[in-house]
PDB file of N, CA and C in Angstrom:
ATOM      1  N   MET A   1    -118.319-107.538 -84.090  1.00  0.00           N
ATOM      2  CA  MET A   1    -116.909-108.359 -83.939  1.00  0.00           C
ATOM      3  C   MET A   1    -117.009-108.976 -82.404  1.00  0.00           C
ATOM      4  N   PRO A   2    -116.431-110.148 -82.163  1.00  0.00           N
ATOM      5  CA  PRO A   2    -116.577-110.948 -80.894  1.00  0.00           C
ATOM      6  C   PRO A   2    -115.342-110.232 -80.339  1.00  0.00           C
ATOM      7  N   ALA A   3    -115.648-110.318 -78.844  1.00  0.00           N
ATOM      8  CA  ALA A   3    -114.675-109.550 -77.883  1.00  0.00           C
ATOM      9  C   ALA A   3    -113.033-110.832 -78.308  1.00  0.00           C
ATOM     10  N   GLU A   4    -112.024-109.780 -77.977  1.00  0.00           N
ATOM     11  CA  GLU A   4    -111.052-110.199 -78.101  1.00  0.00           C
ATOM     12  C   GLU A   4    -110.159-110.291 -76.723  1.00  0.00           C
ATOM     13  N   LEU A   5    -109.120-110.981 -76.954  1.00  0.00           N
ATOM     14  CA  LEU A   5    -108.072-111.031 -75.613  1.00  0.00           C
ATOM     15  C   LEU A   5    -106.736-110.759 -76.208  1.00  0.00           C
ATOM     16  N   HIS A   6    -105.843-109.628 -76.138  1.00  0.00           N
ATOM     17  CA  HIS A   6    -104.510-109.363 -76.288  1.00  0.00           C
ATOM     18  C   HIS A   6    -103.809-109.951 -75.375  1.00  0.00           C
ATOM     19  N   ILE A   7    -102.434-110.585 -75.824  1.00  0.00           N
ATOM     20  CA  ILE A   7    -101.664-110.957 -74.571  1.00  0.00           C
ATOM     21  C   ILE A   7    -100.370-110.423 -75.179  1.00  0.00           C
ATOM     22  N   ALA A   8     -99.386-110.069 -74.371  1.00  0.00           N
ATOM     23  CA  ALA A   8     -97.794-109.703 -75.124  1.00  0.00           C
ATOM     24  C   ALA A   8     -96.855-109.956 -74.011  1.00  0.00           C
ATOM     25  N   SER A   9     -95.819-110.493 -74.257  1.00  0.00           N
ATOM     26  CA  SER A   9     -94.960-110.551 -73.250  1.00  0.00           C
ATOM     27  C   SER A   9     -93.469-109.470 -73.688  1.00  0.00           C
ATOM     28  N   LEU A  10     -93.119-109.105 -72.775  1.00  0.00           N
ATOM     29  CA  LEU A  10     -91.939-107.961 -72.761  1.00  0.00           C
ATOM     30  C   LEU A  10     -90.691-108.653 -71.954  1.00  0.00           C
ATOM     31  N   VAL A  11     -89.727-107.915 -72.478  1.00  0.00           N
ATOM     32  CA  VAL A  11     -88.350-107.995 -71.629  1.00  0.00           C
ATOM     33  C   VAL A  11     -87.977-106.336 -71.530  1.00  0.00           C
ATOM     34  N   VAL A  12     -88.137-106.049 -70.180  1.00  0.00           N
ATOM     35  CA  VAL A  12     -87.563-104.625 -69.988  1.00  0.00           C
ATOM     36  C   VAL A  12     -86.434-104.387 -69.159  1.00  0.00           C
ATOM     37  N   HIS A  13     -85.493-103.759 -69.705  1.00  0.00           N
ATOM     38  CA  HIS A  13     -84.383-103.354 -69.049  1.00  0.00           C
ATOM     39  C   HIS A  13     -84.269-102.215 -68.562  1.00  0.00           C
ATOM     40  N   VAL A  14     -84.036-101.759 -67.213  1.00  0.00           N
ATOM     41  CA  VAL A  14     -84.076-100.739 -66.462  1.00  0.00           C
ATOM     42  C   VAL A  14     -82.850-100.461 -65.450  1.00  0.00           C
ATOM     43  N   LEU A  15     -82.659 -99.360 -65.003  1.00  0.00           N
ATOM     44  CA  LEU A  15     -81.315 -99.204 -64.537  1.00  0.00           C
ATOM     45  C   LEU A  15     -81.362-100.125 -63.029  1.00  0.00           C
ATOM     46  N   PRO A  16     -80.230-100.699 -62.759  1.00  0.00           N
ATOM     47  CA  PRO A  16     -80.355-101.669 -61.780  1.00  0.00           C
ATOM     48  C   PRO A  16     -81.063-101.452 -60.221  1.00  0.00           C
ATOM     49  N   ARG A  17     -80.556 -99.778 -59.874  1.00  0.00           N
ATOM     50  CA  ARG A  17     -80.991 -99.179 -58.811  1.00  0.00           C
ATOM     51  C   ARG A  17     -82.340 -99.073 -58.903  1.00  0.00           C
ATOM     52  N   ARG A  18     -83.240 -99.059 -59.865  1.00  0.00           N
ATOM     53  CA  ARG A  18     -84.583 -98.629 -59.963  1.00  0.00           C
ATOM     54  C   ARG A  18     -85.474-100.180 -60.094  1.00  0.00           C
ATOM     55  N   VAL A  19     -84.711-101.167 -59.899  1.00  0.00           N
ATOM     56  CA  VAL A  19     -85.307-102.903 -60.107  1.00  0.00           C
ATOM     57  C   VAL A  19     -86.700-102.700 -59.164  1.00  0.00           C
ATOM     58  N   PRO A  20     -86.533-102.631 -57.947  1.00  0.00           N
ATOM     59  CA  PRO A  20     -87.452-102.851 -57.001  1.00  0.00           C
ATOM     60  C   PRO A  20     -88.768-101.903 -57.231  1.00  0.00           C
ATOM     61  N   ALA A  21     -88.506-100.668 -57.428  1.00  0.00           N
ATOM     62  CA  ALA A  21     -89.571 -99.688 -57.604  1.00  0.00           C
ATOM     63  C   ALA A  21     -90.386 -99.823 -59.107  1.00  0.00           C
ATOM     64  N   LEU A  22     -89.649-100.126 -60.064  1.00  0.00           N
ATOM     65  CA  LEU A  22     -90.344-100.070 -61.396  1.00  0.00           C
ATOM     66  C   LEU A  22     -91.021-101.201 -61.530  1.00  0.00           C
ATOM     67  N   ALA A  23     -90.547-102.566 -60.697  1.00  0.00           N
ATOM     68  CA  ALA A  23     -91.176-103.537 -60.826  1.00  0.00           C
ATOM     69  C   ALA A  23     -92.672-103.631 -59.981  1.00  0.00           C
ATOM     70  N   ALA A  24     -92.535-102.935 -58.863  1.00  0.00           N
ATOM     71  CA  ALA A  24     -93.741-102.771 -58.331  1.00  0.00           C
ATOM     72  C   ALA A  24     -94.734-101.654 -59.089  1.00  0.00           C
ATOM     73  N   TRP A  25     -94.105-100.625 -59.717  1.00  0.00           N
ATOM     74  CA  TRP A  25     -95.426 -99.931 -60.669  1.00  0.00           C
ATOM     75  C   TRP A  25     -95.795-100.497 -61.933  1.00  0.00           C
ATOM     76  N   ILE A  26     -94.780-101.233 -62.636  1.00  0.00           N
ATOM     77  CA  ILE A  26     -95.132-101.781 -63.428  1.00  0.00           C
ATOM     78  C   ILE A  26     -96.531-103.039 -63.203  1.00  0.00           C
ATOM     79  N   GLY A  27     -96.152-103.716 -62.254  1.00  0.00           N
ATOM     80  CA  GLY A  27     -97.114-104.506 -61.616  1.00  0.00           C
ATOM     81  C   GLY A  27     -98.596-103.942 -61.341  1.00  0.00           C
ATOM     82  N   GLN A  28     -98.532-102.393 -61.020  1.00  0.00           N
ATOM     83  CA  GLN A  28     -99.825-101.588 -60.959  1.00  0.00           C
ATOM     84  C   GLN A  28    -100.631-101.183 -61.881  1.00  0.00           C
ATOM     85  N   LEU A  29     -99.631-101.337 -63.174  1.00  0.00           N
ATOM     86  CA  LEU A  29    -100.461-100.857 -64.474  1.00  0.00           C
ATOM     87  C   LEU A  29    -101.370-101.717 -64.979  1.00  0.00           C
ATOM     88  N   PRO A  30    -102.842-101.266 -65.569  1.00  0.00           N
ATOM     89  CA  PRO A  30    -103.762-102.096 -66.015  1.00  0.00           C
ATOM     90  C   PRO A  30    -103.347-103.388 -66.872  1.00  0.00           C
ATOM     91  N   GLY A  31    -103.603-104.704 -66.711  1.00  0.00           N
ATOM     92  CA  GLY A  31    -103.340-105.748 -67.333  1.00  0.00           C
ATOM     93  C   GLY A  31    -101.966-106.406 -67.246  1.00  0.00           C
ATOM     94  N   ALA A  32    -101.034-105.669 -66.422  1.00  0.00           N
ATOM     95  CA  ALA A  32     -99.688-106.024 -66.436  1.00  0.00           C
ATOM     96  C   ALA A  32     -99.091-107.006 -65.074  1.00  0.00           C
ATOM     97  N   ARG A  33     -98.286-107.683 -65.395  1.00  0.00           N
ATOM     98  CA  ARG A  33     -98.163-108.606 -64.419  1.00  0.00           C
ATOM     99  C   ARG A  33     -96.208-108.921 -64.594  1.00  0.00           C
ATOM    100  N   VAL A  34     -95.709-108.716 -63.391  1.00  0.00           N
ATOM    101  CA  VAL A  34     -94.056-108.757 -63.593  1.00  0.00           C
ATOM    102  C   VAL A  34     -93.966-110.469 -63.028  1.00  0.00           C
ATOM    103  N   HIS A  35     -93.301-110.986 -63.959  1.00  0.00           N
ATOM    104  CA  HIS A  35     -93.083-112.473 -63.775  1.00  0.00           C
ATOM    105  C   HIS A  35     -91.598-113.034 -63.135  1.00  0.00           C
ATOM    106  N   ALA A  36     -90.918-112.009 -63.429  1.00  0.00           N
ATOM    107  CA  ALA A  36     -89.507-112.221 -62.796  1.00  0.00           C
ATOM    108  C   ALA A  36     -88.552-110.918 -62.863  1.00  0.00           C
ATOM    109  N   HIS A  37     -87.541-110.665 -62.154  1.00  0.00           N
ATOM    110  CA  HIS A  37     -86.709-109.637 -62.306  1.00  0.00           C
ATOM    111  C   HIS A  37     -85.653-110.195 -61.555  1.00  0.00           C
ATOM    112  N   ASN A  38     -84.035-109.456 -61.947  1.00  0.00           N
ATOM    113  CA  ASN A  38     -83.112-109.788 -61.459  1.00  0.00           C
ATOM    114  C   ASN A  38     -82.452-108.320 -61.114  1.00  0.00           C
ATOM    115  N   ALA A  39     -81.265-108.284 -60.217  1.00  0.00           N
ATOM    116  CA  ALA A  39     -80.685-107.232 -59.867  1.00  0.00           C
ATOM    117  C   ALA A  39     -79.675-106.544 -60.871  1.00  0.00           C
ATOM    118  N   LEU A  40     -79.736-107.333 -62.108  1.00  0.00           N
ATOM    119  CA  LEU A  40     -78.863-106.515 -63.124  1.00  0.00           C
ATOM    120  C   LEU A  40     -79.881-105.677 -63.911  1.00  0.00           C
ATOM    121  N   GLY A  41     -80.958-105.631 -63.884  1.00  0.00           N
ATOM    122  CA  GLY A  41     -81.952-104.860 -64.318  1.00  0.00           C
ATOM    123  C   GLY A  41     -82.930-105.374 -65.439  1.00  0.00           C
ATOM    124  N   LYS A  42     -83.191-106.644 -65.292  1.00  0.00           N
ATOM    125  CA  LYS A  42     -83.833-107.267 -66.413  1.00  0.00           C
ATOM    126  C   LYS A  42     -85.215-107.758 -65.830  1.00  0.00           C
ATOM    127  N   LEU A  43     -86.269-107.453 -66.347  1.00  0.00           N
ATOM    128  CA  LEU A  43     -87.763-107.953 -65.764  1.00  0.00           C
ATOM    129  C   LEU A  43     -88.391-108.604 -67.050  1.00  0.00           C
ATOM    130  N   VAL A  44     -89.291-109.602 -66.574  1.00  0.00           N
ATOM    131  CA  VAL A  44     -90.249-110.242 -67.699  1.00  0.00           C
ATOM    132  C   VAL A  44     -91.186-109.850 -67.400  1.00  0.00           C
ATOM    133  N   VAL A  45     -92.199-109.382 -68.390  1.00  0.00           N
ATOM    134  CA  VAL A  45     -93.399-108.959 -68.225  1.00  0.00           C
ATOM    135  C   VAL A  45     -94.582-109.221 -69.021  1.00  0.00           C
ATOM    136  N   THR A  46     -95.830-109.643 -68.852  1.00  0.00           N
ATOM    137  CA  THR A  46     -96.627-109.980 -69.751  1.00  0.00           C
ATOM    138  C   THR A  46     -98.026-108.850 -69.351  1.00  0.00           C
ATOM    139  N   LEU A  47     -98.550-108.745 -70.637  1.00  0.00           N
ATOM    140  CA  LEU A  47     -99.922-107.565 -70.578  1.00  0.00           C
ATOM    141  C   LEU A  47    -100.914-108.155 -71.524  1.00  0.00           C
ATOM    142  N   GLU A  48    -102.066-108.038 -70.613  1.00  0.00           N
ATOM    143  CA  GLU A  48    -103.349-108.280 -71.316  1.00  0.00           C
ATOM    144  C   GLU A  48    -104.429-107.406 -71.383  1.00  0.00           C
ATOM    145  N   ALA A  49    -104.753-107.171 -72.372  1.00  0.00           N
ATOM    146  CA  ALA A  49    -105.928-106.256 -72.509  1.00  0.00           C
ATOM    147  C   ALA A  49    -106.822-106.789 -73.612  1.00  0.00           C
ATOM    148  N   GLY A  50    -108.139-105.920 -73.440  1.00  0.00           N
ATOM    149  CA  GLY A  50    -109.481-106.226 -74.714  1.00  0.00           C
ATOM    150  C   GLY A  50    -109.397-105.830 -75.977  1.00  0.00           C
ATOM    151  N   HIS A  51    -108.026-104.858 -76.474  1.00  0.00           N
ATOM    152  CA  HIS A  51    -107.645-104.320 -77.534  1.00  0.00           C
ATOM    153  C   HIS A  51    -106.377-103.936 -77.792  1.00  0.00           C
ATOM    154  N   GLU A  52    -106.146-104.242 -79.048  1.00  0.00           N
ATOM    155  CA  GLU A  52    -104.478-103.676 -79.259  1.00  0.00           C
ATOM    156  C   GLU A  52    -104.434-102.280 -78.567  1.00  0.00           C
ATOM    157  N   ARG A  53    -105.120-101.443 -78.584  1.00  0.00           N
ATOM    158  CA  ARG A  53    -104.747 -99.927 -78.232  1.00  0.00           C
ATOM    159  C   ARG A  53    -104.354 -99.875 -76.611  1.00  0.00           C
ATOM    160  N   GLY A  54    -105.095-100.851 -75.969  1.00  0.00           N
ATOM    161  CA  GLY A  54    -104.513-101.101 -74.553  1.00  0.00           C
ATOM    162  C   GLY A  54    -103.352-101.567 -74.147  1.00  0.00           C
ATOM    163  N   LEU A  55    -102.939-102.551 -75.025  1.00  0.00           N
ATOM    164  CA  LEU A  55    -101.471-103.021 -75.113  1.00  0.00           C
ATOM    165  C   LEU A  55    -100.544-102.125 -75.230  1.00  0.00           C
ATOM    166  N   LEU A  56    -100.935-101.357 -76.412  1.00  0.00           N
ATOM    167  CA  LEU A  56     -99.716-100.163 -77.100  1.00  0.00           C
ATOM    168  C   LEU A  56     -99.759 -99.075 -75.818  1.00  0.00           C
ATOM    169  N   ASP A  57    -100.920 -98.705 -75.115  1.00  0.00           N
ATOM    170  CA  ASP A  57    -101.054 -97.900 -74.248  1.00  0.00           C
ATOM    171  C   ASP A  57     -99.741 -97.994 -72.848  1.00  0.00           C
ATOM    172  N   VAL A  58    -100.406 -99.164 -72.687  1.00  0.00           N
ATOM    173  CA  VAL A  58     -99.419 -99.974 -71.250  1.00  0.00           C
ATOM    174  C   VAL A  58     -97.551 -99.594 -71.836  1.00  0.00           C
ATOM    175  N   LEU A  59     -97.634-100.258 -73.067  1.00  0.00           N
ATOM    176  CA  LEU A  59     -96.362-100.524 -73.335  1.00  0.00           C
ATOM    177  C   LEU A  59     -95.661 -99.233 -73.628  1.00  0.00           C
ATOM    178  N   GLY A  60     -96.273 -98.151 -74.098  1.00  0.00           N
ATOM    179  CA  GLY A  60     -95.582 -97.051 -74.202  1.00  0.00           C
ATOM    180  C   GLY A  60     -95.555 -96.092 -72.745  1.00  0.00           C
ATOM    181  N   ARG A  61     -96.372 -96.489 -71.791  1.00  0.00           N
ATOM    182  CA  ARG A  61     -96.379 -96.173 -70.281  1.00  0.00           C
ATOM    183  C   ARG A  61     -94.847 -96.487 -69.957  1.00  0.00           C
ATOM    184  N   ILE A  62     -94.635 -97.797 -70.078  1.00  0.00           N
ATOM    185  CA  ILE A  62     -93.472 -98.222 -69.703  1.00  0.00           C
ATOM    186  C   ILE A  62     -92.294 -97.911 -70.114  1.00  0.00           C
ATOM    187  N   GLN A  63     -92.251 -97.571 -71.300  1.00  0.00           N
ATOM    188  CA  GLN A  63     -91.200 -97.124 -72.268  1.00  0.00           C
ATOM    189  C   GLN A  63     -90.454 -95.888 -71.825  1.00  0.00           C
ATOM    190  N   ARG A  64     -91.846 -95.338 -71.589  1.00  0.00           N
ATOM    191  CA  ARG A  64     -91.366 -93.746 -71.160  1.00  0.00           C
ATOM    192  C   ARG A  64     -91.180 -93.323 -69.763  1.00  0.00           C
ATOM    193  N   ALA A  65     -91.175 -94.521 -68.769  1.00  0.00           N
ATOM    194  CA  ALA A  65     -90.871 -94.425 -67.283  1.00  0.00           C
ATOM    195  C   ALA A  65     -89.269 -93.942 -67.057  1.00  0.00           C
ATOM    196  N   ALA A  66     -89.115 -93.064 -66.265  1.00  0.00           N
ATOM    197  CA  ALA A  66     -87.906 -92.777 -65.593  1.00  0.00           C
ATOM    198  C   ALA A  66     -87.078 -94.030 -65.304  1.00  0.00           C
ATOM    199  N   GLY A  67     -85.840 -94.129 -65.890  1.00  0.00           N
ATOM    200  CA  GLY A  67     -85.359 -95.473 -65.299  1.00  0.00           C
ATOM    201  C   GLY A  67     -85.298 -96.793 -66.496  1.00  0.00           C
ATOM    202  N   VAL A  68     -86.151 -96.565 -67.071  1.00  0.00           N
ATOM    203  CA  VAL A  68     -86.427 -97.706 -68.052  1.00  0.00           C
ATOM    204  C   VAL A  68     -85.549 -97.571 -69.399  1.00  0.00           C
ATOM    205  N   LEU A  69     -84.612 -98.332 -69.614  1.00  0.00           N
ATOM    206  CA  LEU A  69     -83.829 -98.495 -70.922  1.00  0.00           C
ATOM    207  C   LEU A  69     -84.364 -98.526 -71.952  1.00  0.00           C
ATOM    208  N   SER A  70     -85.022 -99.885 -71.938  1.00  0.00           N
ATOM    209  CA  SER A  70     -85.823-100.269 -73.276  1.00  0.00           C
ATOM    210  C   SER A  70     -86.958-101.284 -72.617  1.00  0.00           C
ATOM    211  N   ALA A  71     -88.183-101.480 -73.624  1.00  0.00           N
ATOM    212  CA  ALA A  71     -88.840-102.336 -73.312  1.00  0.00           C
ATOM    213  C   ALA A  71     -89.420-103.191 -74.818  1.00  0.00           C
ATOM    214  N   THR A  72     -88.967-104.311 -74.732  1.00  0.00           N
ATOM    215  CA  THR A  72     -88.957-104.993 -75.814  1.00  0.00           C
ATOM    216  C   THR A  72     -90.014-106.007 -76.155  1.00  0.00           C
ATOM    217  N   LEU A  73     -90.980-105.989 -76.934  1.00  0.00           N
ATOM    218  CA  LEU A  73     -91.905-106.820 -77.161  1.00  0.00           C
ATOM    219  C   LEU A  73     -91.483-108.327 -77.870  1.00  0.00           C
ATOM    220  N   VAL A  74     -91.680-109.291 -77.185  1.00  0.00           N
ATOM    221  CA  VAL A  74     -90.967-110.300 -77.210  1.00  0.00           C
ATOM    222  C   VAL A  74     -92.269-111.333 -78.238  1.00  0.00           C
ATOM    223  N   TYR A  75     -93.433-111.561 -77.555  1.00  0.00           N
ATOM    224  CA  TYR A  75     -94.543-111.985 -78.209  1.00  0.00           C
ATOM    225  C   TYR A  75     -95.877-111.541 -78.069  1.00  0.00           C
ATOM    226  N   GLN A  76     -96.714-111.497 -79.092  1.00  0.00           N
ATOM    227  CA  GLN A  76     -98.042-111.114 -78.919  1.00  0.00           C
ATOM    228  C   GLN A  76     -98.964-111.738 -79.745  1.00  0.00           C
ATOM    229  N   CYS A  77    -100.245-112.159 -78.862  1.00  0.00           N
ATOM    230  CA  CYS A  77    -101.098-113.078 -79.256  1.00  0.00           C
ATOM    231  C   CYS A  77    -102.616-112.418 -79.430  1.00  0.00           C
ATOM    232  N   VAL A  78    -103.209-112.729 -80.299  1.00  0.00           N
ATOM    233  CA  VAL A  78    -104.725-112.141 -80.057  1.00  0.00           C
ATOM    234  C   VAL A  78    -105.488-113.284 -80.650  1.00  0.00           C
ATOM    235  N   ASP A  79    -106.710-113.548 -79.812  1.00  0.00           N
ATOM    236  CA  ASP A  79    -107.789-114.412 -80.557  1.00  0.00           C
ATOM    237  C   ASP A  79    -109.196-113.996 -79.539  1.00  0.00           C
ATOM    238  N   SER A  80    -110.018-114.578 -80.056  1.00  0.00           N
ATOM    239  CA  SER A  80    -111.598-114.387 -79.647  1.00  0.00           C
ATOM    240  C   SER A  80    -111.448-114.936 -78.133  1.00  0.00           C
ATOM    241  N   LEU A  81    -112.216-114.260 -77.409  1.00  0.00           N
ATOM    242  CA  LEU A  81    -112.519-114.882 -75.937  1.00  0.00           C
ATOM    243  C   LEU A  81    -112.863-116.028 -75.973  1.00  0.00           C
ATOM    244  N   ASP A  82    -113.894-116.232 -76.788  1.00  0.00           N
ATOM    245  CA  ASP A  82    -114.411-117.638 -76.867  1.00  0.00           C
ATOM    246  C   ASP A  82    -113.469-118.457 -77.415  1.00  0.00           C
ATOM    247  N   ALA A  83    -112.386-118.583 -77.951  1.00  0.00           N
ATOM    248  CA  ALA A  83    -111.527-119.329 -78.571  1.00  0.00           C
ATOM    249  C   ALA A  83    -110.469-119.637 -77.301  1.00  0.00           C
ATOM    250  N   MET A  84    -110.378-118.416 -76.340  1.00  0.00           N
ATOM    251  CA  MET A  84    -109.422-118.604 -75.631  1.00  0.00           C
ATOM    252  C   MET A  84    -109.930-119.450 -74.038  1.00  0.00           C
ATOM    253  N   ASN A  85    -111.234-119.300 -74.057  1.00  0.00           N
ATOM    254  CA  ASN A  85    -112.006-120.045 -73.140  1.00  0.00           C
ATOM    255  C   ASN A  85    -112.299-121.374 -73.228  1.00  0.00           C
ATOM    256  N   GLU A  86    -111.975-122.033 -74.494  1.00  0.00           N
ATOM    257  CA  GLU A  86    -112.511-123.258 -75.281  1.00  0.00           C
ATOM    258  C   GLU A  86    -111.622-124.262 -74.059  1.00  0.00           C
ATOM    259  N   GLU A  87    -112.193-125.591 -73.813  1.00  0.00           N
ATOM    260  CA  GLU A  87    -111.542-126.745 -73.038  1.00  0.00           C
ATOM    261  C   GLU A  87    -110.699-127.278 -74.041  1.00  0.00           C
ATOM    262  N   LEU A  88    -109.538-127.476 -73.779  1.00  0.00           N
ATOM    263  CA  LEU A  88    -109.036-128.822 -74.706  1.00  0.00           C
ATOM    264  C   LEU A  88    -109.144-130.283 -74.408  1.00  0.00           C
ATOM    265  N   SER A  89    -109.475-130.771 -75.532  1.00  0.00           N
ATOM    266  CA  SER A  89    -109.574-132.169 -74.984  1.00  0.00           C
ATOM    267  C   SER A  89    -108.113-133.030 -75.057  1.00  0.00           C
ATOM    268  N   PRO A  90    -108.020-133.919 -74.038  1.00  0.00           N
ATOM    269  CA  PRO A  90    -107.048-134.689 -74.085  1.00  0.00           C
ATOM    270  C   PRO A  90    -106.689-135.660 -75.064  1.00  0.00           C
TER     271      PRO A  90
END
């Protein structure tokens, strides 16, 4: 099977007082990136992994973290690395 890339986006709701710490912690997880957060406790996160299990492992870690109220999958995509790296013609 060809190598794959799995990409997911999440909305993570956390306790407002935990935003800075959790945003920093999530950003250190393998394949995770925090794109935005606000003082009300909402974070926008993307995850990338070479297989579905990797995404699910990181998502589970986020969901179980102290101060996380919810971590909801918004979008998920999977494709071969070859297809992801193709140049698009104008």
